[in-house]
Amino acid sequence: MAHLYAGILGLLAFLTCVTRGVIHGSAVGSVLGAACLSVLAFGVVGYVIGWLAQWIVEDSVRGRILAELSAEDSAEVSHPASAEAK
């Protein structure tokens, strides 16, 4: 997920810089230099955002699974006869 966010934000930053340069009639060299720097900067930001999003989702899913397993274990402890019938 982190690579996807980095790629999307980097490409969006590059296209934004190129479009701004075309609109303002800037020199090609300066536009491409700014676009390359923005790809690097926004790629790093996108990677961090993607890594955080992935960590949050994995943590949430892990918590739900542990809660469900805990609920199942407590249900089996409170009703051992029904657990043996299965």
Protein backbone atom coordinates (compact mmCIF):
# COMPACT_ATOMS: atom_id res chain seq x y z
CA MET A 1 0.00 0.00 0.00
CA ALA A 2 2.87 2.36 0.77
CA HIS A 3 4.35 2.03 -2.72
CA LEU A 4 0.98 2.75 -4.28
CA TYR A 5 0.50 5.96 -2.30
CA ALA A 6 4.07 7.05 -3.05
CA GLY A 7 3.59 6.49 -6.77
CA ILE A 8 0.28 8.29 -6.94
CA LEU A 9 1.39 11.33 -4.95
CA GLY A 10 4.73 11.52 -6.78
CA LEU A 11 3.08 11.39 -10.20
CA LEU A 12 0.47 13.93 -9.18
CA ALA A 13 3.17 16.31 -7.94
CA PHE A 14 5.16 15.86 -11.17
CA LEU A 15 2.15 16.58 -13.36
CA THR A 16 1.21 19.59 -11.26
CA CYS A 17 4.70 21.08 -11.61
CA VAL A 18 4.79 20.48 -15.36
CA THR A 19 1.32 21.98 -15.81
CA ARG A 20 2.26 25.02 -13.75
CA GLY A 21 5.43 25.46 -15.81
CA VAL A 22 3.52 25.24 -19.09
CA ILE A 23 0.90 27.74 -17.93
CA HIS A 24 3.51 30.25 -16.78
CA GLY A 25 5.81 29.65 -19.75
CA SER A 26 8.81 28.71 -17.59
CA ALA A 27 12.05 27.28 -18.95
CA VAL A 28 12.02 23.53 -19.54
CA GLY A 29 15.08 22.89 -17.39
CA SER A 30 13.73 24.67 -14.35
CA VAL A 31 10.32 23.02 -14.72
CA LEU A 32 11.81 19.53 -14.93
CA GLY A 33 14.13 20.23 -12.00
CA ALA A 34 11.24 21.37 -9.83
CA ALA A 35 9.14 18.43 -11.02
CA CYS A 36 11.87 15.93 -10.11
CA LEU A 37 12.29 17.43 -6.66
CA SER A 38 8.55 17.34 -6.11
CA VAL A 39 8.43 13.67 -7.15
CA LEU A 40 11.02 12.85 -4.51
CA ALA A 41 9.40 14.92 -1.79
CA PHE A 42 5.85 13.77 -2.42
CA GLY A 43 6.98 10.20 -3.00
CA VAL A 44 8.43 10.13 0.51
CA VAL A 45 5.30 11.73 1.96
CA GLY A 46 3.10 9.26 0.07
CA TYR A 47 5.18 6.33 1.28
CA VAL A 48 4.82 7.43 4.89
CA ILE A 49 1.07 7.96 4.50
CA GLY A 50 0.67 4.56 2.84
CA TRP A 51 2.75 2.83 5.51
CA LEU A 52 0.67 4.44 8.27
CA ALA A 53 -2.59 3.49 6.54
CA GLN A 54 -1.46 -0.11 6.15
CA TRP A 55 -0.34 -0.28 9.79
CA ILE A 56 -3.67 1.14 11.01
CA VAL A 57 -5.71 -1.33 8.93
CA GLU A 58 -3.61 -4.32 9.99
CA ASP A 59 -3.81 -3.28 13.64
CA SER A 60 -7.58 -2.89 13.43
CA VAL A 61 -8.07 -6.28 11.78
CA ARG A 62 -5.71 -7.95 14.26
CA GLY A 63 -7.69 -6.42 17.14
CA ARG A 64 -11.01 -7.62 15.78
CA ILE A 65 -9.72 -11.13 15.21
CA LEU A 66 -8.28 -11.31 18.73
CA ALA A 67 -11.56 -10.01 20.18
CA GLU A 68 -13.57 -12.62 18.28
CA LEU A 69 -11.21 -15.41 19.33
CA SER A 70 -11.40 -14.22 22.93
CA ALA A 71 -15.19 -14.18 22.77
CA GLU A 72 -15.22 -17.73 21.37
CA ASP A 73 -12.87 -18.95 24.11
CA SER A 74 -14.98 -17.39 26.85
CA ALA A 75 -18.14 -18.88 25.35
CA GLU A 76 -16.56 -22.35 25.32
CA VAL A 77 -15.44 -21.97 28.94
CA SER A 78 -18.91 -20.92 30.11
CA HIS A 79 -20.69 -23.70 28.16
CA PRO A 80 -18.36 -26.72 28.07
CA ALA A 81 -21.16 -29.21 27.24
CA SER A 82 -22.07 -27.40 24.02
CA ALA A 83 -18.41 -27.29 23.01
CA GLU A 84 -18.11 -31.08 23.47
CA ALA A 85 -21.20 -31.68 21.34
CA LYS A 86 -19.59 -29.99 18.38
